[in-house]
C-alpha atoms as a PDB file:
ATOM      1  CA  MET A   1      11.478 -13.215  -9.957  1.00  0.00           C
ATOM      2  CA  ALA A   2       9.889 -16.595  -8.984  1.00  0.00           C
ATOM      3  CA  SER A   3       8.801 -17.984  -6.373  1.00  0.00           C
ATOM      4  CA  HIS A   4       8.471 -21.802  -4.860  1.00  0.00           C
ATOM      5  CA  LEU A   5       5.164 -21.006  -3.303  1.00  0.00           C
ATOM      6  CA  SER A   6       2.161 -22.127  -4.805  1.00  0.00           C
ATOM      7  CA  ALA A   7      -0.587 -19.877  -5.689  1.00  0.00           C
ATOM      8  CA  ILE A   8      -2.989 -20.503  -2.279  1.00  0.00           C
ATOM      9  CA  GLU A   9       0.200 -20.364  -0.352  1.00  0.00           C
ATOM     10  CA  LEU A  10       1.389 -16.955  -0.937  1.00  0.00           C
ATOM     11  CA  LEU A  11      -2.179 -16.356   0.378  1.00  0.00           C
ATOM     12  CA  LYS A  12      -1.786 -17.680   3.692  1.00  0.00           C
ATOM     13  CA  ARG A  13       1.212 -16.111   4.627  1.00  0.00           C
ATOM     14  CA  GLY A  14      -0.608 -13.491   5.608  1.00  0.00           C
ATOM     15  CA  ASP A  15       1.219 -10.821   8.261  1.00  0.00           C
ATOM     16  CA  ASP A  16       2.475 -13.215  10.611  1.00  0.00           C
ATOM     17  CA  ASP A  17       6.101 -12.617   9.633  1.00  0.00           C
ATOM     18  CA  ARG A  18       6.157  -9.720   8.193  1.00  0.00           C
ATOM     19  CA  ILE A  19       6.269  -5.747   9.513  1.00  0.00           C
ATOM     20  CA  LYS A  20       4.823  -3.095   7.966  1.00  0.00           C
ATOM     21  CA  PRO A  21       7.620  -0.405   6.661  1.00  0.00           C
ATOM     22  CA  TYR A  22       7.759   2.949   9.100  1.00  0.00           C
ATOM     23  CA  LEU A  23       6.349   4.884   5.800  1.00  0.00           C
ATOM     24  CA  ASN A  24       3.307   2.405   5.814  1.00  0.00           C
ATOM     25  CA  GLN A  25       2.957   3.281   9.345  1.00  0.00           C
ATOM     26  CA  TYR A  26       2.809   6.583   9.719  1.00  0.00           C
ATOM     27  CA  TRP A  27       2.458   8.042   6.463  1.00  0.00           C
ATOM     28  CA  PRO A  28      -1.461   9.212   7.501  1.00  0.00           C
ATOM     29  CA  TYR A  29       0.197  11.110  10.057  1.00  0.00           C
ATOM     30  CA  VAL A  30       2.812  12.496   8.067  1.00  0.00           C
ATOM     31  CA  LEU A  31       0.933  13.474   5.729  1.00  0.00           C
ATOM     32  CA  GLY A  32      -2.235  15.069   7.331  1.00  0.00           C
ATOM     33  CA  SER A  33      -0.151  16.522   9.805  1.00  0.00           C
ATOM     34  CA  THR A  34       1.771  18.316   6.269  1.00  0.00           C
ATOM     35  CA  LEU A  35      -1.709  19.139   4.801  1.00  0.00           C
ATOM     36  CA  GLY A  36      -3.331  19.763   7.276  1.00  0.00           C
ATOM     37  CA  PHE A  37      -1.036  23.036   8.071  1.00  0.00           C
ATOM     38  CA  CYS A  38      -0.638  24.230   4.891  1.00  0.00           C
ATOM     39  CA  THR A  39      -3.989  24.245   4.160  1.00  0.00           C
ATOM     40  CA  GLY A  40      -4.078  27.229   7.892  1.00  0.00           C
ATOM     41  CA  MET A  41      -1.815  28.723   5.814  1.00  0.00           C
ATOM     42  CA  LEU A  42      -3.459  28.726   2.534  1.00  0.00           C
ATOM     43  CA  ILE A  43      -6.454  30.030   4.560  1.00  0.00           C
ATOM     44  CA  ASN A  44      -5.272  32.168   5.877  1.00  0.00           C
ATOM     45  CA  PHE A  45      -3.583  33.771   2.469  1.00  0.00           C
ATOM     46  CA  GLY A  46      -7.083  33.905   1.437  1.00  0.00           C
ATOM     47  CA  THR A  47      -8.638  35.736   3.337  1.00  0.00           C
ATOM     48  CA  LYS A  48      -5.563  38.767   3.904  1.00  0.00           C
ATOM     49  CA  ARG A  49      -4.109  37.032   6.771  1.00  0.00           C
ATOM     50  CA  PRO A  50      -0.615  36.656   8.800  1.00  0.00           C
ATOM     51  CA  ILE A  51       0.635  33.141   6.973  1.00  0.00           C
ATOM     52  CA  TYR A  52       1.132  31.503  10.930  1.00  0.00           C
ATOM     53  CA  SER A  53      -1.821  33.426  12.782  1.00  0.00           C
ATOM     54  CA  GLY A  54      -4.410  31.421  14.248  1.00  0.00           C
ATOM     55  CA  LEU A  55      -2.359  28.259  15.585  1.00  0.00           C
ATOM     56  CA  GLN A  56      -5.338  26.753  16.630  1.00  0.00           C
ATOM     57  CA  LYS A  57      -6.800  26.590  12.901  1.00  0.00           C
ATOM     58  CA  HIS A  58      -3.659  24.855  11.846  1.00  0.00           C
ATOM     59  CA  ALA A  59      -4.007  22.627  14.831  1.00  0.00           C
ATOM     60  CA  ALA A  60      -7.488  21.618  13.817  1.00  0.00           C
ATOM     61  CA  CYS A  61      -6.929  20.943   9.870  1.00  0.00           C
ATOM     62  CA  MET A  62      -4.001  19.021  11.442  1.00  0.00           C
ATOM     63  CA  ALA A  63      -6.219  16.807  13.206  1.00  0.00           C
ATOM     64  CA  ILE A  64      -8.739  16.841  10.702  1.00  0.00           C
ATOM     65  CA  TRP A  65      -6.140  15.886   7.828  1.00  0.00           C
ATOM     66  CA  SER A  66      -4.528  12.564  10.374  1.00  0.00           C
ATOM     67  CA  GLY A  67      -7.998  11.703  10.943  1.00  0.00           C
ATOM     68  CA  SER A  68      -9.551  11.897   7.535  1.00  0.00           C
ATOM     69  CA  LEU A  69      -6.702  10.626   6.598  1.00  0.00           C
ATOM     70  CA  HIS A  70      -6.632   7.599   8.770  1.00  0.00           C
ATOM     71  CA  ILE A  71     -10.057   6.585   8.044  1.00  0.00           C
ATOM     72  CA  VAL A  72      -8.833   5.848   4.634  1.00  0.00           C
ATOM     73  CA  GLN A  73      -5.426   3.339   5.736  1.00  0.00           C
ATOM     74  CA  LYS A  74      -7.711   1.439   7.575  1.00  0.00           C
ATOM     75  CA  LYS A  75     -10.899   1.026   4.528  1.00  0.00           C
ATOM     76  CA  ARG A  76      -8.104   0.576   2.204  1.00  0.00           C
ATOM     77  CA  ASP A  77      -6.599  -1.797   5.012  1.00  0.00           C
ATOM     78  CA  ALA A  78     -10.134  -3.305   4.932  1.00  0.00           C
ATOM     79  CA  TYR A  79     -10.701  -3.434   0.865  1.00  0.00           C
ATOM     80  CA  PHE A  80      -7.215  -5.474   0.891  1.00  0.00           C
ATOM     81  CA  ALA A  81      -8.393  -7.943   3.380  1.00  0.00           C
ATOM     82  CA  GLU A  82     -11.396  -8.657   1.927  1.00  0.00           C
ATOM     83  CA  ARG A  83      -9.986  -9.160  -1.476  1.00  0.00           C
ATOM     84  CA  ASP A  84      -7.342 -11.447  -0.523  1.00  0.00           C
ATOM     85  CA  ALA A  85     -10.081 -13.251   1.271  1.00  0.00           C
ATOM     86  CA  VAL A  86     -12.086 -13.347  -2.482  1.00  0.00           C
ATOM     87  CA  LEU A  87      -9.165 -14.707  -4.132  1.00  0.00           C
ATOM     88  CA  ARG A  88      -8.531 -17.313  -1.376  1.00  0.00           C
ATOM     89  CA  HIS A  89     -11.434 -18.724  -1.626  1.00  0.00           C
ATOM     90  CA  TYR A  90     -11.793 -19.114  -5.677  1.00  0.00           C
ATOM     91  CA  ILE A  91      -8.415 -20.431  -5.383  1.00  0.00           C
ATOM     92  CA  GLU A  92      -9.488 -23.154  -2.712  1.00  0.00           C
ATOM     93  CA  LEU A  93     -12.923 -23.845  -5.635  1.00  0.00           C
ATOM     94  CA  HIS A  94     -10.664 -24.358  -8.776  1.00  0.00           C
ATOM     95  CA  PRO A  95      -7.402 -25.282  -7.540  1.00  0.00           C
ATOM     96  CA  GLU A  96      -7.383 -27.221 -11.143  1.00  0.00           C
ATOM     97  CA  ASP A  97      -6.859 -23.783 -12.421  1.00  0.00           C
ATOM     98  CA  PHE A  98      -3.694 -22.633 -10.389  1.00  0.00           C
ATOM     99  CA  VAL A  99      -1.463 -25.436 -10.578  1.00  0.00           C
ATOM    100  CA  GLU A 100       1.813 -24.684 -10.221  1.00  0.00           C
ATOM    101  CA  PRO A 101       4.365 -24.412 -12.700  1.00  0.00           C
ATOM    102  CA  GLU A 102       7.270 -26.656 -12.816  1.00  0.00           C
ATOM    103  CA  ARG A 103      10.725 -25.124 -11.881  1.00  0.00           C
ATOM    104  CA  LYS A 104      13.088 -24.501 -14.984  1.00  0.00           C
ATOM    105  CA  LYS A 105      16.553 -23.578 -14.803  1.00  0.00           C
ATOM    106  CA  LEU A 106      18.100 -20.713 -16.614  1.00  0.00           C
ATOM    107  CA  ALA A 107      20.024 -22.701 -19.356  1.00  0.00           C
ATOM    108  CA  ASP A 108      16.565 -24.470 -20.704  1.00  0.00           C
ATOM    109  CA  VAL A 109      14.690 -21.188 -20.843  1.00  0.00           C
ATOM    110  CA  LEU A 110      17.706 -19.073 -22.924  1.00  0.00           C
ATOM    111  CA  GLU A 111      18.630 -19.930 -26.173  1.00  0.00           C
ATOM    112  CA  PRO A 112      22.545 -20.473 -27.565  1.00  0.00           C
ATOM    113  CA  TRP A 113      23.730 -17.309 -28.806  1.00  0.00           C
ATOM    114  CA  ILE A 114      25.678 -16.935 -32.117  1.00  0.00           C
ATOM    115  CA  PRO A 115      26.907 -13.401 -32.367  1.00  0.00           C
ATOM    116  CA  ILE A 116      26.844 -12.203 -36.152  1.00  0.00           C
ATOM    117  CA  ARG A 117      29.090  -9.536 -37.117  1.00  0.00           C
END
Protein backbone atom coordinates (compact mmCIF):
# COMPACT_ATOMS: atom_id res chain seq x y z
CA MET A 1 0.00 0.00 0.00
CA ALA A 2 1.50 3.30 -1.07
CA SER A 3 1.56 6.28 1.21
CA HIS A 4 0.89 9.84 0.18
CA LEU A 5 3.58 11.07 2.61
CA SER A 6 7.18 11.71 1.66
CA ALA A 7 10.07 9.86 3.32
CA ILE A 8 10.87 12.69 5.74
CA GLU A 9 7.20 13.12 6.69
CA LEU A 10 6.98 9.44 7.53
CA LEU A 11 9.97 9.69 9.85
CA LYS A 12 8.86 12.95 11.46
CA ARG A 13 5.46 11.60 12.45
CA GLY A 14 6.89 9.96 15.55
CA ASP A 15 4.64 8.48 18.20
CA ASP A 16 2.38 11.49 18.63
CA ASP A 17 -0.94 9.90 17.74
CA ARG A 18 0.05 6.25 18.05
CA ILE A 19 -0.43 3.99 21.03
CA LYS A 20 1.58 0.82 21.39
CA PRO A 21 -0.39 -2.40 21.06
CA TYR A 22 -1.16 -4.23 24.30
CA LEU A 23 1.32 -7.05 23.66
CA ASN A 24 4.14 -4.61 22.82
CA GLN A 25 3.64 -2.82 26.13
CA TYR A 26 3.68 -5.86 28.38
CA TRP A 27 5.65 -8.57 26.54
CA PRO A 28 8.77 -8.32 28.75
CA TYR A 29 6.74 -8.88 31.91
CA VAL A 30 4.54 -11.67 30.61
CA LEU A 31 7.42 -13.51 28.95
CA GLY A 32 9.75 -12.82 31.88
CA SER A 33 7.26 -14.19 34.39
CA THR A 34 6.66 -17.30 32.30
CA LEU A 35 10.36 -17.95 31.69
CA GLY A 36 11.20 -17.24 35.33
CA PHE A 37 8.61 -19.65 36.65
CA CYS A 38 9.73 -22.32 34.19
CA THR A 39 13.37 -21.70 35.16
CA GLY A 40 12.50 -22.32 38.81
CA MET A 41 10.71 -25.52 37.84
CA LEU A 42 13.69 -26.63 35.73
CA ILE A 43 16.13 -25.97 38.58
CA ASN A 44 13.97 -28.01 40.94
CA PHE A 45 13.67 -30.81 38.40
CA GLY A 46 17.43 -30.84 37.88
CA THR A 47 18.10 -31.06 41.62
CA LYS A 48 15.41 -33.76 42.05
CA ARG A 49 13.14 -31.72 44.31
CA PRO A 50 9.40 -31.28 44.02
CA ILE A 51 8.77 -29.00 41.03
CA TYR A 52 6.78 -26.34 42.90
CA SER A 53 8.91 -26.25 46.07
CA GLY A 54 10.83 -23.11 46.99
CA LEU A 55 8.44 -20.51 45.62
CA GLN A 56 10.89 -17.75 46.57
CA LYS A 57 13.20 -19.22 43.92
CA HIS A 58 10.40 -18.98 41.37
CA ALA A 59 9.69 -15.38 42.39
CA ALA A 60 13.37 -14.44 42.17
CA CYS A 61 13.71 -16.03 38.72
CA MET A 62 10.56 -14.22 37.55
CA ALA A 63 11.96 -10.88 38.77
CA ILE A 64 15.35 -11.49 37.16
CA TRP A 65 13.87 -12.51 33.81
CA SER A 66 11.32 -9.65 33.79
CA GLY A 67 13.99 -7.09 34.69
CA SER A 68 16.36 -8.43 32.06
CA LEU A 69 13.73 -8.33 29.33
CA HIS A 70 12.69 -4.83 30.43
CA ILE A 71 16.30 -3.68 29.97
CA VAL A 72 16.43 -5.38 26.56
CA GLN A 73 13.22 -3.59 25.53
CA LYS A 74 14.61 -0.19 26.60
CA LYS A 75 17.86 -0.79 24.68
CA ARG A 76 15.84 -1.88 21.65
CA ASP A 77 13.72 1.29 21.80
CA ALA A 78 16.86 3.43 22.10
CA TYR A 79 18.43 1.63 19.13
CA PHE A 80 15.40 2.25 16.92
CA ALA A 81 15.18 5.90 18.03
CA GLU A 82 18.82 6.44 17.14
CA ARG A 83 18.38 4.65 13.80
CA ASP A 84 15.39 6.85 12.95
CA ALA A 85 17.36 9.98 13.89
CA VAL A 86 20.23 8.92 11.60
CA LEU A 87 17.82 8.22 8.74
CA ARG A 88 16.01 11.50 9.29
CA HIS A 89 19.32 13.39 9.25
CA TYR A 90 20.45 11.64 6.06
CA ILE A 91 17.17 12.41 4.31
CA GLU A 92 17.44 16.07 5.34
CA LEU A 93 20.99 16.26 3.96
CA HIS A 94 20.18 14.47 0.69
CA PRO A 95 16.61 15.35 -0.34
CA GLU A 96 17.43 14.79 -4.03
CA ASP A 97 17.75 11.04 -3.36
CA PHE A 98 14.25 10.86 -1.89
CA VAL A 99 11.96 12.49 -4.41
CA GLU A 100 8.31 11.79 -3.87
CA PRO A 101 7.15 9.29 -6.51
CA GLU A 102 4.30 10.32 -8.76
CA ARG A 103 1.01 8.71 -7.97
CA LYS A 104 -0.31 6.32 -10.58
CA LYS A 105 -3.75 4.89 -10.98
CA LEU A 106 -4.11 1.15 -11.07
CA ALA A 107 -5.48 1.40 -14.62
CA ASP A 108 -2.18 2.93 -15.75
CA VAL A 109 -0.13 0.14 -14.17
CA LEU A 110 -2.08 -2.90 -15.39
CA GLU A 111 -1.72 -4.11 -18.93
CA PRO A 112 -4.78 -5.14 -20.96
CA TRP A 113 -5.81 -8.71 -20.31
CA ILE A 114 -6.35 -11.02 -23.27
CA PRO A 115 -7.64 -14.45 -22.40
CA ILE A 116 -5.98 -17.30 -24.25
CA ARG A 117 -7.98 -20.53 -24.43
